[in-house]
Amino acid sequence: MKIVLILSLCIIFSAGASVFLKLGAMGLVEPINCLSVIRNNMIWLGGFCYFSAFLLYIYTLRIVPLSLAQPVITAGVSLVTAVVAVLYIRESMTFINWGGLLLICSGIFLLFSGRM
């Protein structure tokens, strides 16, 4: 159960980082300069999430094999990011895109079922 929790936290922080950076980037106005980036709270929140994900990933690698951790986190981040982007940011994905994402996640699950 501890492994599932730590992998889930890695996924949440990594996906959150991407979403917050996207929201921050959407809030930037031309011309973009260092000052406008530094003043953007969403970009700071994205950076905090990336740093947190980095620390959690280091901890994860102490208790979970790399061959399990990296694929599970990557697939999870892809799924969570896509769902949040569609529901919250109103980006669009086609049926084929969803199918591909489902195949990737299913493949990772099958590859590692019984190892967690």
C-alpha atoms as a PDB file:
ATOM      1  CA  MET A   1       0.000   0.000   0.000  1.00  0.00           C
ATOM      2  CA  LYS A   2       2.893   2.361   0.745  1.00  0.00           C
ATOM      3  CA  ILE A   3       4.235   1.863  -2.788  1.00  0.00           C
ATOM      4  CA  VAL A   4       0.877   2.708  -4.367  1.00  0.00           C
ATOM      5  CA  LEU A   5       0.615   5.853  -2.247  1.00  0.00           C
ATOM      6  CA  ILE A   6       4.105   7.104  -3.096  1.00  0.00           C
ATOM      7  CA  LEU A   7       3.624   6.381  -6.821  1.00  0.00           C
ATOM      8  CA  SER A   8       0.279   8.201  -6.712  1.00  0.00           C
ATOM      9  CA  LEU A   9       1.858  11.241  -5.077  1.00  0.00           C
ATOM     10  CA  CYS A  10       4.575  11.307  -7.741  1.00  0.00           C
ATOM     11  CA  ILE A  11       1.887  11.196 -10.429  1.00  0.00           C
ATOM     12  CA  ILE A  12      -0.206  13.944  -8.811  1.00  0.00           C
ATOM     13  CA  PHE A  13       2.713  16.335  -8.301  1.00  0.00           C
ATOM     14  CA  SER A  14       4.163  15.721 -11.786  1.00  0.00           C
ATOM     15  CA  ALA A  15       0.806  16.189 -13.497  1.00  0.00           C
ATOM     16  CA  GLY A  16       0.056  19.212 -11.320  1.00  0.00           C
ATOM     17  CA  ALA A  17       3.344  20.786 -12.345  1.00  0.00           C
ATOM     18  CA  SER A  18       2.478  20.505 -16.029  1.00  0.00           C
ATOM     19  CA  VAL A  19      -1.029  21.859 -15.539  1.00  0.00           C
ATOM     20  CA  PHE A  20       0.088  24.826 -13.427  1.00  0.00           C
ATOM     21  CA  LEU A  21       2.865  25.699 -15.884  1.00  0.00           C
ATOM     22  CA  LYS A  22       0.336  25.552 -18.741  1.00  0.00           C
ATOM     23  CA  LEU A  23      -2.018  27.873 -16.844  1.00  0.00           C
ATOM     24  CA  GLY A  24       0.878  30.192 -16.067  1.00  0.00           C
ATOM     25  CA  ALA A  25       1.998  30.226 -19.691  1.00  0.00           C
ATOM     26  CA  MET A  26      -1.548  31.005 -20.816  1.00  0.00           C
ATOM     27  CA  GLY A  27      -1.538  34.008 -18.473  1.00  0.00           C
ATOM     28  CA  LEU A  28       1.606  35.547 -19.919  1.00  0.00           C
ATOM     29  CA  VAL A  29       1.143  38.456 -22.287  1.00  0.00           C
ATOM     30  CA  GLU A  30       3.474  39.674 -24.998  1.00  0.00           C
ATOM     31  CA  PRO A  31       6.231  40.661 -24.749  1.00  0.00           C
ATOM     32  CA  ILE A  32       7.258  37.847 -22.430  1.00  0.00           C
ATOM     33  CA  ASN A  33      10.220  38.709 -20.228  1.00  0.00           C
ATOM     34  CA  CYS A  34      11.827  37.384 -17.057  1.00  0.00           C
ATOM     35  CA  LEU A  35       9.887  39.774 -14.840  1.00  0.00           C
ATOM     36  CA  SER A  36       6.505  38.630 -16.144  1.00  0.00           C
ATOM     37  CA  VAL A  37       7.504  34.988 -15.589  1.00  0.00           C
ATOM     38  CA  ILE A  38       8.786  35.695 -12.066  1.00  0.00           C
ATOM     39  CA  ARG A  39       5.541  37.479 -11.129  1.00  0.00           C
ATOM     40  CA  ASN A  40       3.331  34.628 -12.351  1.00  0.00           C
ATOM     41  CA  ASN A  41       1.958  32.635  -9.394  1.00  0.00           C
ATOM     42  CA  MET A  42       0.915  29.648 -11.516  1.00  0.00           C
ATOM     43  CA  ILE A  43       4.466  29.248 -12.794  1.00  0.00           C
ATOM     44  CA  TRP A  44       5.761  29.309  -9.210  1.00  0.00           C
ATOM     45  CA  LEU A  45       3.176  26.696  -8.226  1.00  0.00           C
ATOM     46  CA  GLY A  46       4.236  24.551 -11.182  1.00  0.00           C
ATOM     47  CA  GLY A  47       7.870  24.856 -10.125  1.00  0.00           C
ATOM     48  CA  PHE A  48       6.966  23.884  -6.565  1.00  0.00           C
ATOM     49  CA  CYS A  49       5.111  20.817  -7.866  1.00  0.00           C
ATOM     50  CA  TYR A  50       8.086  19.814 -10.034  1.00  0.00           C
ATOM     51  CA  PHE A  51      10.447  20.164  -7.079  1.00  0.00           C
ATOM     52  CA  SER A  52       8.099  18.138  -4.875  1.00  0.00           C
ATOM     53  CA  ALA A  53       7.775  15.475  -7.571  1.00  0.00           C
ATOM     54  CA  PHE A  54      11.564  15.373  -7.864  1.00  0.00           C
ATOM     55  CA  LEU A  55      11.992  14.765  -4.130  1.00  0.00           C
ATOM     56  CA  LEU A  56       9.244  12.136  -4.113  1.00  0.00           C
ATOM     57  CA  TYR A  57      10.812  10.423  -7.122  1.00  0.00           C
ATOM     58  CA  ILE A  58      14.152  10.166  -5.320  1.00  0.00           C
ATOM     59  CA  TYR A  59      12.381   8.608  -2.351  1.00  0.00           C
ATOM     60  CA  THR A  60      10.413   6.300  -4.667  1.00  0.00           C
ATOM     61  CA  LEU A  61      13.576   4.994  -6.287  1.00  0.00           C
ATOM     62  CA  ARG A  62      14.817   3.887  -2.864  1.00  0.00           C
ATOM     63  CA  ILE A  63      11.837   1.540  -2.396  1.00  0.00           C
ATOM     64  CA  VAL A  64      10.559   0.751  -5.904  1.00  0.00           C
ATOM     65  CA  PRO A  65      12.568  -0.744  -8.782  1.00  0.00           C
ATOM     66  CA  LEU A  66      13.268   1.784 -11.541  1.00  0.00           C
ATOM     67  CA  SER A  67      11.816  -0.651 -14.104  1.00  0.00           C
ATOM     68  CA  LEU A  68       8.495  -0.369 -12.286  1.00  0.00           C
ATOM     69  CA  ALA A  69       8.524   3.222 -11.041  1.00  0.00           C
ATOM     70  CA  GLN A  70       9.316   5.070 -14.266  1.00  0.00           C
ATOM     71  CA  PRO A  71       6.741   3.402 -16.560  1.00  0.00           C
ATOM     72  CA  VAL A  72       3.970   3.563 -13.959  1.00  0.00           C
ATOM     73  CA  ILE A  73       4.625   7.222 -13.174  1.00  0.00           C
ATOM     74  CA  THR A  74       4.926   8.161 -16.852  1.00  0.00           C
ATOM     75  CA  ALA A  75       1.663   6.442 -17.785  1.00  0.00           C
ATOM     76  CA  GLY A  76      -0.110   7.887 -14.751  1.00  0.00           C
ATOM     77  CA  VAL A  77       1.101  11.407 -15.442  1.00  0.00           C
ATOM     78  CA  SER A  78       0.013  11.100 -19.077  1.00  0.00           C
ATOM     79  CA  LEU A  79      -3.467   9.981 -18.077  1.00  0.00           C
ATOM     80  CA  VAL A  80      -4.006  12.526 -15.288  1.00  0.00           C
ATOM     81  CA  THR A  81      -2.623  15.395 -17.363  1.00  0.00           C
ATOM     82  CA  ALA A  82      -4.845  14.530 -20.337  1.00  0.00           C
ATOM     83  CA  VAL A  83      -7.983  14.280 -18.208  1.00  0.00           C
ATOM     84  CA  VAL A  84      -7.288  17.573 -16.412  1.00  0.00           C
ATOM     85  CA  ALA A  85      -6.397  19.322 -19.685  1.00  0.00           C
ATOM     86  CA  VAL A  86      -9.673  18.224 -21.273  1.00  0.00           C
ATOM     87  CA  LEU A  87     -11.926  18.864 -18.272  1.00  0.00           C
ATOM     88  CA  TYR A  88     -10.343  21.974 -16.789  1.00  0.00           C
ATOM     89  CA  ILE A  89      -8.398  23.726 -19.549  1.00  0.00           C
ATOM     90  CA  ARG A  90     -10.938  22.689 -22.216  1.00  0.00           C
ATOM     91  CA  GLU A  91      -8.391  21.187 -24.581  1.00  0.00           C
ATOM     92  CA  SER A  92      -9.686  18.625 -27.037  1.00  0.00           C
ATOM     93  CA  MET A  93      -8.677  15.034 -27.650  1.00  0.00           C
ATOM     94  CA  THR A  94     -10.034  12.743 -30.312  1.00  0.00           C
ATOM     95  CA  PHE A  95     -11.338   9.220 -29.809  1.00  0.00           C
ATOM     96  CA  ILE A  96      -8.070   7.927 -31.300  1.00  0.00           C
ATOM     97  CA  ASN A  97      -6.063   9.958 -28.757  1.00  0.00           C
ATOM     98  CA  TRP A  98      -8.074   8.499 -25.876  1.00  0.00           C
ATOM     99  CA  GLY A  99      -7.692   5.021 -27.342  1.00  0.00           C
ATOM    100  CA  GLY A 100      -3.929   5.394 -27.570  1.00  0.00           C
ATOM    101  CA  LEU A 101      -3.721   6.629 -24.005  1.00  0.00           C
ATOM    102  CA  LEU A 102      -5.878   3.725 -22.829  1.00  0.00           C
ATOM    103  CA  LEU A 103      -3.646   1.246 -24.665  1.00  0.00           C
ATOM    104  CA  ILE A 104      -0.510   2.721 -23.084  1.00  0.00           C
ATOM    105  CA  CYS A 105      -1.975   2.593 -19.579  1.00  0.00           C
ATOM    106  CA  SER A 106      -3.366  -0.920 -20.108  1.00  0.00           C
ATOM    107  CA  GLY A 107      -0.011  -2.123 -21.398  1.00  0.00           C
ATOM    108  CA  ILE A 108       1.829  -0.725 -18.387  1.00  0.00           C
ATOM    109  CA  PHE A 109      -0.728  -2.302 -16.055  1.00  0.00           C
ATOM    110  CA  LEU A 110      -0.395  -5.708 -17.748  1.00  0.00           C
ATOM    111  CA  LEU A 111       3.367  -5.490 -17.851  1.00  0.00           C
ATOM    112  CA  PHE A 112       3.626  -4.951 -14.129  1.00  0.00           C
ATOM    113  CA  SER A 113       0.538  -6.657 -12.716  1.00  0.00           C
ATOM    114  CA  GLY A 114       1.513  -8.781  -9.765  1.00  0.00           C
ATOM    115  CA  ARG A 115       4.713  -6.809  -9.060  1.00  0.00           C
ATOM    116  CA  MET A 116       3.116  -4.162  -6.839  1.00  0.00           C
END
